[in-house]
Amino acid sequence: SDIERAHGWGHGLVQELEFHPPHGLGTSEVEMILLPQADRVEVILEV
């Protein structure tokens, strides 16, 4: 996990989670930025 400064985001910093995927998903890396709320979570998904 890395914390990065991102211009244009409401709070200035974002946390990026980097995942190693299993074979068969057709990707070498999956990254997520999570925007949680009380009962749900929005995900910025990068493949």
All heavy atoms as atom14 arrays in JSON, in Angstrom:
{
  "sequence": "SDIERAHGWGHGLVQELEFHPPHGLGTSEVEMILLPQADRVEVILEV",
  "atom14_mask": [
    [1, 1, 1, 1, 1, 1, 0, 0, 0, 0, 0, 0, 0, 0],
    [1, 1, 1, 1, 1, 1, 1, 1, 0, 0, 0, 0, 0, 0],
    [1, 1, 1, 1, 1, 1, 1, 1, 0, 0, 0, 0, 0, 0],
    [1, 1, 1, 1, 1, 1, 1, 1, 1, 0, 0, 0, 0, 0],
    [1, 1, 1, 1, 1, 1, 1, 1, 1, 1, 1, 0, 0, 0],
    [1, 1, 1, 1, 1, 0, 0, 0, 0, 0, 0, 0, 0, 0],
    [1, 1, 1, 1, 1, 1, 1, 1, 1, 1, 0, 0, 0, 0],
    [1, 1, 1, 1, 0, 0, 0, 0, 0, 0, 0, 0, 0, 0],
    [1, 1, 1, 1, 1, 1, 1, 1, 1, 1, 1, 1, 1, 1],
    [1, 1, 1, 1, 0, 0, 0, 0, 0, 0, 0, 0, 0, 0],
    [1, 1, 1, 1, 1, 1, 1, 1, 1, 1, 0, 0, 0, 0],
    [1, 1, 1, 1, 0, 0, 0, 0, 0, 0, 0, 0, 0, 0],
    [1, 1, 1, 1, 1, 1, 1, 1, 0, 0, 0, 0, 0, 0],
    [1, 1, 1, 1, 1, 1, 1, 0, 0, 0, 0, 0, 0, 0],
    [1, 1, 1, 1, 1, 1, 1, 1, 1, 0, 0, 0, 0, 0],
    [1, 1, 1, 1, 1, 1, 1, 1, 1, 0, 0, 0, 0, 0],
    [1, 1, 1, 1, 1, 1, 1, 1, 0, 0, 0, 0, 0, 0],
    [1, 1, 1, 1, 1, 1, 1, 1, 1, 0, 0, 0, 0, 0],
    [1, 1, 1, 1, 1, 1, 1, 1, 1, 1, 1, 0, 0, 0],
    [1, 1, 1, 1, 1, 1, 1, 1, 1, 1, 0, 0, 0, 0],
    [1, 1, 1, 1, 1, 1, 1, 0, 0, 0, 0, 0, 0, 0],
    [1, 1, 1, 1, 1, 1, 1, 0, 0, 0, 0, 0, 0, 0],
    [1, 1, 1, 1, 1, 1, 1, 1, 1, 1, 0, 0, 0, 0],
    [1, 1, 1, 1, 0, 0, 0, 0, 0, 0, 0, 0, 0, 0],
    [1, 1, 1, 1, 1, 1, 1, 1, 0, 0, 0, 0, 0, 0],
    [1, 1, 1, 1, 0, 0, 0, 0, 0, 0, 0, 0, 0, 0],
    [1, 1, 1, 1, 1, 1, 1, 0, 0, 0, 0, 0, 0, 0],
    [1, 1, 1, 1, 1, 1, 0, 0, 0, 0, 0, 0, 0, 0],
    [1, 1, 1, 1, 1, 1, 1, 1, 1, 0, 0, 0, 0, 0],
    [1, 1, 1, 1, 1, 1, 1, 0, 0, 0, 0, 0, 0, 0],
    [1, 1, 1, 1, 1, 1, 1, 1, 1, 0, 0, 0, 0, 0],
    [1, 1, 1, 1, 1, 1, 1, 1, 0, 0, 0, 0, 0, 0],
    [1, 1, 1, 1, 1, 1, 1, 1, 0, 0, 0, 0, 0, 0],
    [1, 1, 1, 1, 1, 1, 1, 1, 0, 0, 0, 0, 0, 0],
    [1, 1, 1, 1, 1, 1, 1, 1, 0, 0, 0, 0, 0, 0],
    [1, 1, 1, 1, 1, 1, 1, 0, 0, 0, 0, 0, 0, 0],
    [1, 1, 1, 1, 1, 1, 1, 1, 1, 0, 0, 0, 0, 0],
    [1, 1, 1, 1, 1, 0, 0, 0, 0, 0, 0, 0, 0, 0],
    [1, 1, 1, 1, 1, 1, 1, 1, 0, 0, 0, 0, 0, 0],
    [1, 1, 1, 1, 1, 1, 1, 1, 1, 1, 1, 0, 0, 0],
    [1, 1, 1, 1, 1, 1, 1, 0, 0, 0, 0, 0, 0, 0],
    [1, 1, 1, 1, 1, 1, 1, 1, 1, 0, 0, 0, 0, 0],
    [1, 1, 1, 1, 1, 1, 1, 0, 0, 0, 0, 0, 0, 0],
    [1, 1, 1, 1, 1, 1, 1, 1, 0, 0, 0, 0, 0, 0],
    [1, 1, 1, 1, 1, 1, 1, 1, 0, 0, 0, 0, 0, 0],
    [1, 1, 1, 1, 1, 1, 1, 1, 1, 0, 0, 0, 0, 0],
    [1, 1, 1, 1, 1, 1, 1, 0, 0, 0, 0, 0, 0, 0]
  ],
  "atom14_positions": [
    [[0.85, -1.18, 0.0], [0.0, 0.0, 0.0], [0.89, 1.24, 0.0], [1.9, 1.28, 0.7], [-0.89, -0.01, 1.24], [-1.36, 1.28, 1.54], [0.0, 0.0, 0.0], [0.0, 0.0, 0.0], [0.0, 0.0, 0.0], [0.0, 0.0, 0.0], [0.0, 0.0, 0.0], [0.0, 0.0, 0.0], [0.0, 0.0, 0.0], [0.0, 0.0, 0.0]],
    [[0.49, 2.23, -0.79], [1.22, 3.5, -0.84], [0.24, 4.65, -0.65], [-0.88, 4.62, -1.16], [1.95, 3.69, -2.18], [3.31, 3.0, -2.2], [4.01, 3.09, -1.18], [3.65, 2.38, -3.22], [0.0, 0.0, 0.0], [0.0, 0.0, 0.0], [0.0, 0.0, 0.0], [0.0, 0.0, 0.0], [0.0, 0.0, 0.0], [0.0, 0.0, 0.0]],
    [[0.69, 5.67, 0.08], [-0.06, 6.92, 0.2], [0.56, 7.91, -0.76], [1.78, 8.14, -0.73], [-0.01, 7.48, 1.63], [-0.49, 6.41, 2.64], [-0.86, 8.74, 1.73], [-1.92, 6.03, 2.5], [0.0, 0.0, 0.0], [0.0, 0.0, 0.0], [0.0, 0.0, 0.0], [0.0, 0.0, 0.0], [0.0, 0.0, 0.0], [0.0, 0.0, 0.0]],
    [[-0.25, 8.5, -1.62], [0.25, 9.46, -2.61], [-0.57, 10.73, -2.57], [-1.75, 10.72, -2.18], [0.2, 8.84, -4.02], [1.03, 7.58, -4.17], [1.02, 7.05, -5.59], [0.57, 7.79, -6.49], [1.44, 5.9, -5.79], [0.0, 0.0, 0.0], [0.0, 0.0, 0.0], [0.0, 0.0, 0.0], [0.0, 0.0, 0.0], [0.0, 0.0, 0.0]],
    [[0.06, 11.82, -2.96], [-0.65, 13.09, -3.06], [-1.27, 13.19, -4.44], [-0.6, 13.01, -5.44], [0.32, 14.26, -2.81], [-0.4, 15.61, -2.75], [0.46, 16.65, -2.09], [0.71, 16.34, -0.69], [-0.16, 16.55, 0.29], [-1.37, 17.04, 0.01], [0.13, 16.27, 1.53], [0.0, 0.0, 0.0], [0.0, 0.0, 0.0], [0.0, 0.0, 0.0]],
    [[-2.57, 13.44, -4.46], [-3.31, 13.47, -5.72], [-4.06, 14.8, -5.82], [-4.94, 15.08, -5.01], [-4.29, 12.31, -5.82], [0.0, 0.0, 0.0], [0.0, 0.0, 0.0], [0.0, 0.0, 0.0], [0.0, 0.0, 0.0], [0.0, 0.0, 0.0], [0.0, 0.0, 0.0], [0.0, 0.0, 0.0], [0.0, 0.0, 0.0], [0.0, 0.0, 0.0]],
    [[-3.7, 15.61, -6.78], [-4.36, 16.88, -6.97], [-5.77, 16.64, -7.54], [-5.98, 15.77, -8.38], [-3.55, 17.76, -7.93], [-2.18, 18.06, -7.42], [-1.94, 18.9, -6.36], [-0.96, 17.61, -7.81], [-0.65, 18.98, -6.13], [-0.02, 18.19, -7.0], [0.0, 0.0, 0.0], [0.0, 0.0, 0.0], [0.0, 0.0, 0.0], [0.0, 0.0, 0.0]],
    [[-6.72, 17.42, -7.06], [-8.09, 17.28, -7.53], [-8.96, 16.41, -6.65], [-10.17, 16.37, -6.81], [0.0, 0.0, 0.0], [0.0, 0.0, 0.0], [0.0, 0.0, 0.0], [0.0, 0.0, 0.0], [0.0, 0.0, 0.0], [0.0, 0.0, 0.0], [0.0, 0.0, 0.0], [0.0, 0.0, 0.0], [0.0, 0.0, 0.0], [0.0, 0.0, 0.0]],
    [[-8.33, 15.68, -5.67], [-9.1, 14.89, -4.74], [-9.45, 15.76, -3.54], [-8.69, 16.63, -3.12], [-8.29, 13.67, -4.28], [-8.13, 12.66, -5.37], [-7.27, 12.74, -6.41], [-8.84, 11.44, -5.53], [-7.39, 11.64, -7.22], [-8.34, 10.82, -6.69], [-9.83, 10.8, -4.8], [-8.82, 9.6, -7.15], [-10.3, 9.58, -5.25], [-9.79, 9.0, -6.41]],
    [[-10.6, 15.47, -2.94], [-11.1, 16.3, -1.86], [-10.17, 16.42, -0.67], [-10.09, 17.46, -0.03], [0.0, 0.0, 0.0], [0.0, 0.0, 0.0], [0.0, 0.0, 0.0], [0.0, 0.0, 0.0], [0.0, 0.0, 0.0], [0.0, 0.0, 0.0], [0.0, 0.0, 0.0], [0.0, 0.0, 0.0], [0.0, 0.0, 0.0], [0.0, 0.0, 0.0]],
    [[-9.43, 15.34, -0.35], [-8.61, 15.34, 0.85], [-7.12, 15.37, 0.54], [-6.3, 15.29, 1.47], [-8.95, 14.13, 1.72], [-10.41, 14.04, 2.06], [-11.02, 14.92, 2.92], [-11.38, 13.21, 1.61], [-12.3, 14.62, 3.01], [-12.55, 13.59, 2.24], [0.0, 0.0, 0.0], [0.0, 0.0, 0.0], [0.0, 0.0, 0.0], [0.0, 0.0, 0.0]],
    [[-6.75, 15.46, -0.72], [-5.36, 15.66, -1.08], [-4.51, 14.41, -1.13], [-3.61, 14.3, -1.96], [0.0, 0.0, 0.0], [0.0, 0.0, 0.0], [0.0, 0.0, 0.0], [0.0, 0.0, 0.0], [0.0, 0.0, 0.0], [0.0, 0.0, 0.0], [0.0, 0.0, 0.0], [0.0, 0.0, 0.0], [0.0, 0.0, 0.0], [0.0, 0.0, 0.0]],
    [[-4.77, 13.42, -0.26], [-4.0, 12.18, -0.24], [-4.9, 11.0, -0.57], [-6.07, 10.97, -0.18], [-3.37, 11.95, 1.14], [-2.34, 12.98, 1.63], [-1.88, 12.63, 3.04], [-1.15, 13.06, 0.69], [0.0, 0.0, 0.0], [0.0, 0.0, 0.0], [0.0, 0.0, 0.0], [0.0, 0.0, 0.0], [0.0, 0.0, 0.0], [0.0, 0.0, 0.0]],
    [[-4.36, 10.04, -1.3], [-5.1, 8.82, -1.59], [-4.22, 7.62, -1.23], [-2.99, 7.71, -1.26], [-5.53, 8.73, -3.07], [-6.51, 9.83, -3.42], [-4.32, 8.78, -4.0], [0.0, 0.0, 0.0], [0.0, 0.0, 0.0], [0.0, 0.0, 0.0], [0.0, 0.0, 0.0], [0.0, 0.0, 0.0], [0.0, 0.0, 0.0], [0.0, 0.0, 0.0]],
    [[-4.88, 6.53, -0.87], [-4.17, 5.3, -0.56], [-4.41, 4.31, -1.69], [-5.55, 3.97, -2.01], [-4.67, 4.73, 0.77], [-3.92, 3.48, 1.21], [-4.29, 3.09, 2.64], [-5.32, 3.5, 3.16], [-3.44, 2.3, 3.27], [0.0, 0.0, 0.0], [0.0, 0.0, 0.0], [0.0, 0.0, 0.0], [0.0, 0.0, 0.0], [0.0, 0.0, 0.0]],
    [[-3.32, 3.85, -2.29], [-3.41, 2.93, -3.42], [-2.96, 1.55, -2.98], [-1.84, 1.38, -2.47], [-2.55, 3.44, -4.58], [-2.71, 2.65, -5.86], [-1.95, 3.28, -7.02], [-0.7, 3.16, -7.02], [-2.58, 3.89, -7.89], [0.0, 0.0, 0.0], [0.0, 0.0, 0.0], [0.0, 0.0, 0.0], [0.0, 0.0, 0.0], [0.0, 0.0, 0.0]],
    [[-3.83, 0.56, -3.18], [-3.52, -0.82, -2.84], [-3.13, -1.57, -4.12], [-3.87, -1.55, -5.1], [-4.72, -1.5, -2.19], [-5.35, -0.79, -0.98], [-6.49, -1.62, -0.42], [-4.31, -0.51, 0.08], [0.0, 0.0, 0.0], [0.0, 0.0, 0.0], [0.0, 0.0, 0.0], [0.0, 0.0, 0.0], [0.0, 0.0, 0.0], [0.0, 0.0, 0.0]],
    [[-2.0, -2.23, -4.07], [-1.49, -2.95, -5.24], [-1.6, -4.45, -4.99], [-1.07, -4.97, -4.0], [-0.03, -2.56, -5.48], [0.62, -3.26, -6.66], [2.09, -2.89, -6.79], [2.42, -1.69, -6.67], [2.91, -3.81, -7.0], [0.0, 0.0, 0.0], [0.0, 0.0, 0.0], [0.0, 0.0, 0.0], [0.0, 0.0, 0.0], [0.0, 0.0, 0.0]],
    [[-2.3, -5.15, -5.91], [-2.55, -6.58, -5.76], [-1.86, -7.37, -6.87], [-1.79, -6.91, -8.02], [-4.05, -6.88, -5.82], [-4.85, -6.32, -4.68], [-5.36, -5.03, -4.75], [-5.09, -7.07, -3.54], [-6.11, -4.5, -3.71], [-5.84, -6.54, -2.5], [-6.34, -5.26, -2.58], [0.0, 0.0, 0.0], [0.0, 0.0, 0.0], [0.0, 0.0, 0.0]],
    [[-1.42, -8.56, -6.53], [-0.94, -9.52, -7.52], [-2.1, -10.46, -7.86], [-2.63, -11.15, -6.98], [0.24, -10.32, -6.97], [0.75, -11.36, -7.9], [1.47, -11.06, -9.03], [0.61, -12.71, -7.88], [1.78, -12.17, -9.66], [1.27, -13.2, -8.99], [0.0, 0.0, 0.0], [0.0, 0.0, 0.0], [0.0, 0.0, 0.0], [0.0, 0.0, 0.0]],
    [[-2.54, -10.49, -9.13], [-3.72, -11.3, -9.49], [-3.34, -12.75, -9.8], [-2.19, -13.05, -10.14], [-4.22, -10.59, -10.75], [-2.97, -10.05, -11.38], [-2.04, -9.69, -10.25], [0.0, 0.0, 0.0], [0.0, 0.0, 0.0], [0.0, 0.0, 0.0], [0.0, 0.0, 0.0], [0.0, 0.0, 0.0], [0.0, 0.0, 0.0], [0.0, 0.0, 0.0]],
    [[-4.3, -13.65, -9.72], [-4.06, -15.03, -10.12], [-4.06, -15.14, -11.65], [-4.48, -14.23, -12.35], [-5.25, -15.78, -9.52], [-6.35, -14.77, -9.53], [-5.68, -13.45, -9.24], [0.0, 0.0, 0.0], [0.0, 0.0, 0.0], [0.0, 0.0, 0.0], [0.0, 0.0, 0.0], [0.0, 0.0, 0.0], [0.0, 0.0, 0.0], [0.0, 0.0, 0.0]],
    [[-3.57, -16.26, -12.15], [-3.61, -16.5, -13.59], [-5.07, -16.61, -14.05], [-5.93, -17.09, -13.34], [-2.86, -17.79, -13.94], [-1.39, -17.73, -13.66], [-0.53, -16.89, -14.34], [-0.63, -18.39, -12.75], [0.7, -17.04, -13.88], [0.66, -17.94, -12.91], [0.0, 0.0, 0.0], [0.0, 0.0, 0.0], [0.0, 0.0, 0.0], [0.0, 0.0, 0.0]],
    [[-5.31, -16.15, -15.26], [-6.64, -16.28, -15.83], [-7.43, -15.0, -15.85], [-8.49, -14.94, -16.49], [0.0, 0.0, 0.0], [0.0, 0.0, 0.0], [0.0, 0.0, 0.0], [0.0, 0.0, 0.0], [0.0, 0.0, 0.0], [0.0, 0.0, 0.0], [0.0, 0.0, 0.0], [0.0, 0.0, 0.0], [0.0, 0.0, 0.0], [0.0, 0.0, 0.0]],
    [[-6.95, -13.94, -15.17], [-7.67, -12.67, -15.19], [-7.21, -11.75, -16.31], [-7.81, -10.7, -16.53], [-7.52, -11.95, -13.84], [-8.36, -12.49, -12.68], [-8.11, -11.66, -11.43], [-9.84, -12.49, -13.03], [0.0, 0.0, 0.0], [0.0, 0.0, 0.0], [0.0, 0.0, 0.0], [0.0, 0.0, 0.0], [0.0, 0.0, 0.0], [0.0, 0.0, 0.0]],
    [[-6.17, -12.14, -17.01], [-5.71, -11.35, -18.15], [-5.06, -10.04, -17.76], [-5.12, -9.08, -18.54], [0.0, 0.0, 0.0], [0.0, 0.0, 0.0], [0.0, 0.0, 0.0], [0.0, 0.0, 0.0], [0.0, 0.0, 0.0], [0.0, 0.0, 0.0], [0.0, 0.0, 0.0], [0.0, 0.0, 0.0], [0.0, 0.0, 0.0], [0.0, 0.0, 0.0]],
    [[-4.46, -9.97, -16.59], [-3.81, -8.75, -16.15], [-2.58, -9.1, -15.32], [-2.53, -10.16, -14.69], [-4.76, -7.87, -15.32], [-4.07, -6.73, -14.85], [-5.29, -8.64, -14.12], [0.0, 0.0, 0.0], [0.0, 0.0, 0.0], [0.0, 0.0, 0.0], [0.0, 0.0, 0.0], [0.0, 0.0, 0.0], [0.0, 0.0, 0.0], [0.0, 0.0, 0.0]],
    [[-1.62, -8.21, -15.32], [-0.4, -8.44, -14.55], [-0.44, -7.77, -13.19], [0.35, -8.1, -12.3], [0.82, -7.94, -15.32], [0.69, -6.55, -15.6], [0.0, 0.0, 0.0], [0.0, 0.0, 0.0], [0.0, 0.0, 0.0], [0.0, 0.0, 0.0], [0.0, 0.0, 0.0], [0.0, 0.0, 0.0], [0.0, 0.0, 0.0], [0.0, 0.0, 0.0]],
    [[-1.38, -6.82, -13.01], [-1.44, -6.09, -11.75], [-2.81, -5.44, -11.61], [-3.4, -4.97, -12.59], [-0.34, -5.03, -11.71], [-0.2, -4.29, -10.4], [0.97, -3.32, -10.44], [2.1, -3.74, -10.14], [0.75, -2.16, -10.8], [0.0, 0.0, 0.0], [0.0, 0.0, 0.0], [0.0, 0.0, 0.0], [0.0, 0.0, 0.0], [0.0, 0.0, 0.0]],
    [[-3.32, -5.4, -10.41], [-4.59, -4.74, -10.1], [-4.34, -3.75, -8.97], [-3.74, -4.1, -7.95], [-5.68, -5.75, -9.69], [-6.94, -5.02, -9.24], [-6.0, -6.7, -10.83], [0.0, 0.0, 0.0], [0.0, 0.0, 0.0], [0.0, 0.0, 0.0], [0.0, 0.0, 0.0], [0.0, 0.0, 0.0], [0.0, 0.0, 0.0], [0.0, 0.0, 0.0]],
    [[-4.78, -2.51, -9.17], [-4.64, -1.48, -8.14], [-6.01, -0.93, -7.78], [-6.88, -0.79, -8.65], [-3.73, -0.35, -8.61], [-2.29, -0.81, -8.86], [-1.41, 0.3, -9.38], [-1.95, 1.36, -9.78], [-0.18, 0.12, -9.41], [0.0, 0.0, 0.0], [0.0, 0.0, 0.0], [0.0, 0.0, 0.0], [0.0, 0.0, 0.0], [0.0, 0.0, 0.0]],
    [[-6.2, -0.62, -6.51], [-7.47, -0.07, -6.04], [-7.23, 1.15, -5.17], [-6.32, 1.16, -4.34], [-8.26, -1.1, -5.22], [-8.67, -2.35, -5.94], [-9.71, -3.38, -4.86], [-9.63, -4.95, -5.74], [0.0, 0.0, 0.0], [0.0, 0.0, 0.0], [0.0, 0.0, 0.0], [0.0, 0.0, 0.0], [0.0, 0.0, 0.0], [0.0, 0.0, 0.0]],
    [[-8.06, 2.16, -5.38], [-8.17, 3.28, -4.45], [-9.56, 3.18, -3.84], [-10.57, 3.13, -4.56], [-7.99, 4.63, -5.16], [-6.55, 4.75, -5.69], [-8.3, 5.78, -4.21], [-6.33, 5.99, -6.54], [0.0, 0.0, 0.0], [0.0, 0.0, 0.0], [0.0, 0.0, 0.0], [0.0, 0.0, 0.0], [0.0, 0.0, 0.0], [0.0, 0.0, 0.0]],
    [[-9.64, 3.13, -2.51], [-10.9, 2.91, -1.83], [-11.45, 4.22, -1.28], [-10.71, 5.01, -0.68], [-10.72, 1.91, -0.68], [-10.02, 0.59, -1.03], [-10.0, -0.33, 0.18], [-10.69, -0.09, -2.21], [0.0, 0.0, 0.0], [0.0, 0.0, 0.0], [0.0, 0.0, 0.0], [0.0, 0.0, 0.0], [0.0, 0.0, 0.0], [0.0, 0.0, 0.0]],
    [[-12.75, 4.42, -1.48], [-13.45, 5.6, -0.97], [-14.6, 5.1, -0.1], [-15.74, 5.01, -0.55], [-13.96, 6.47, -2.12], [-12.92, 6.88, -3.17], [-13.58, 7.63, -4.32], [-11.83, 7.74, -2.54], [0.0, 0.0, 0.0], [0.0, 0.0, 0.0], [0.0, 0.0, 0.0], [0.0, 0.0, 0.0], [0.0, 0.0, 0.0], [0.0, 0.0, 0.0]],
    [[-14.32, 4.76, 1.17], [-15.34, 4.13, 2.02], [-16.41, 5.12, 2.5], [-16.16, 6.32, 2.63], [-14.53, 3.6, 3.21], [-13.1, 3.7, 2.81], [-13.02, 4.83, 1.83], [0.0, 0.0, 0.0], [0.0, 0.0, 0.0], [0.0, 0.0, 0.0], [0.0, 0.0, 0.0], [0.0, 0.0, 0.0], [0.0, 0.0, 0.0], [0.0, 0.0, 0.0]],
    [[-17.58, 4.56, 2.77], [-18.65, 5.24, 3.46], [-19.12, 4.32, 4.58], [-18.55, 3.25, 4.81], [-19.78, 5.59, 2.49], [-19.37, 6.48, 1.34], [-20.48, 6.73, 0.35], [-21.64, 6.88, 0.73], [-20.16, 6.76, -0.93], [0.0, 0.0, 0.0], [0.0, 0.0, 0.0], [0.0, 0.0, 0.0], [0.0, 0.0, 0.0], [0.0, 0.0, 0.0]],
    [[-20.18, 4.72, 5.27], [-20.62, 3.94, 6.42], [-21.08, 2.54, 6.04], [-20.82, 1.57, 6.76], [-21.74, 4.69, 7.15], [0.0, 0.0, 0.0], [0.0, 0.0, 0.0], [0.0, 0.0, 0.0], [0.0, 0.0, 0.0], [0.0, 0.0, 0.0], [0.0, 0.0, 0.0], [0.0, 0.0, 0.0], [0.0, 0.0, 0.0], [0.0, 0.0, 0.0]],
    [[-21.8, 2.4, 4.9], [-22.39, 1.1, 4.54], [-22.0, 0.62, 3.16], [-22.54, -0.37, 2.67], [-23.91, 1.17, 4.64], [-24.51, 2.19, 3.67], [-23.74, 2.99, 3.1], [-25.74, 2.18, 3.48], [0.0, 0.0, 0.0], [0.0, 0.0, 0.0], [0.0, 0.0, 0.0], [0.0, 0.0, 0.0], [0.0, 0.0, 0.0], [0.0, 0.0, 0.0]],
    [[-21.06, 1.28, 2.51], [-20.64, 0.91, 1.15], [-19.24, 1.43, 0.92], [-18.7, 2.18, 1.73], [-21.61, 1.49, 0.12], [-21.62, 3.02, 0.04], [-22.86, 3.54, -0.64], [-24.04, 3.26, 0.18], [-25.28, 3.17, -0.29], [-25.51, 3.36, -1.58], [-26.29, 2.92, 0.52], [0.0, 0.0, 0.0], [0.0, 0.0, 0.0], [0.0, 0.0, 0.0]],
    [[-18.67, 1.07, -0.21], [-17.35, 1.58, -0.56], [-17.25, 1.72, -2.07], [-17.63, 0.82, -2.83], [-16.23, 0.66, -0.01], [-16.4, -0.78, -0.48], [-14.86, 1.18, -0.41], [0.0, 0.0, 0.0], [0.0, 0.0, 0.0], [0.0, 0.0, 0.0], [0.0, 0.0, 0.0], [0.0, 0.0, 0.0], [0.0, 0.0, 0.0], [0.0, 0.0, 0.0]],
    [[-16.8, 2.88, -2.5], [-16.54, 3.09, -3.93], [-15.09, 2.75, -4.21], [-14.19, 3.05, -3.41], [-16.83, 4.54, -4.32], [-16.74, 4.78, -5.82], [-17.17, 6.17, -6.22], [-17.46, 7.0, -5.31], [-17.24, 6.43, -7.43], [0.0, 0.0, 0.0], [0.0, 0.0, 0.0], [0.0, 0.0, 0.0], [0.0, 0.0, 0.0], [0.0, 0.0, 0.0]],
    [[-14.88, 2.12, -5.35], [-13.54, 1.64, -5.71], [-13.12, 2.25, -7.04], [-13.87, 2.21, -8.02], [-13.53, 0.1, -5.83], [-12.12, -0.39, -6.18], [-14.02, -0.55, -4.55], [0.0, 0.0, 0.0], [0.0, 0.0, 0.0], [0.0, 0.0, 0.0], [0.0, 0.0, 0.0], [0.0, 0.0, 0.0], [0.0, 0.0, 0.0], [0.0, 0.0, 0.0]],
    [[-11.93, 2.84, -7.05], [-11.29, 3.22, -8.31], [-10.39, 2.05, -8.68], [-9.41, 1.76, -8.0], [-10.45, 4.51, -8.17], [-11.27, 5.62, -7.52], [-9.92, 4.94, -9.53], [-12.5, 6.02, -8.29], [0.0, 0.0, 0.0], [0.0, 0.0, 0.0], [0.0, 0.0, 0.0], [0.0, 0.0, 0.0], [0.0, 0.0, 0.0], [0.0, 0.0, 0.0]],
    [[-10.77, 1.35, -9.73], [-10.1, 0.11, -10.12], [-9.21, 0.37, -11.32], [-9.67, 0.87, -12.35], [-11.16, -0.95, -10.46], [-10.67, -2.35, -10.81], [-10.01, -3.0, -9.61], [-11.86, -3.2, -11.3], [0.0, 0.0, 0.0], [0.0, 0.0, 0.0], [0.0, 0.0, 0.0], [0.0, 0.0, 0.0], [0.0, 0.0, 0.0], [0.0, 0.0, 0.0]],
    [[-7.93, 0.04, -11.18], [-6.98, 0.2, -12.28], [-6.37, -1.15, -12.62], [-5.87, -1.85, -11.74], [-5.88, 1.2, -11.91], [-4.94, 1.5, -13.07], [-4.0, 2.65, -12.76], [-4.46, 3.82, -12.72], [-2.8, 2.38, -12.56], [0.0, 0.0, 0.0], [0.0, 0.0, 0.0], [0.0, 0.0, 0.0], [0.0, 0.0, 0.0], [0.0, 0.0, 0.0]],
    [[-6.43, -1.5, -13.89], [-5.94, -2.79, -14.37], [-4.74, -2.55, -15.27], [-4.8, -1.76, -16.21], [-7.05, -3.55, -15.13], [-6.52, -4.85, -15.7], [-8.23, -3.81, -14.2], [0.0, 0.0, 0.0], [0.0, 0.0, 0.0], [0.0, 0.0, 0.0], [0.0, 0.0, 0.0], [0.0, 0.0, 0.0], [0.0, 0.0, 0.0], [0.0, 0.0, 0.0]]
  ]
}
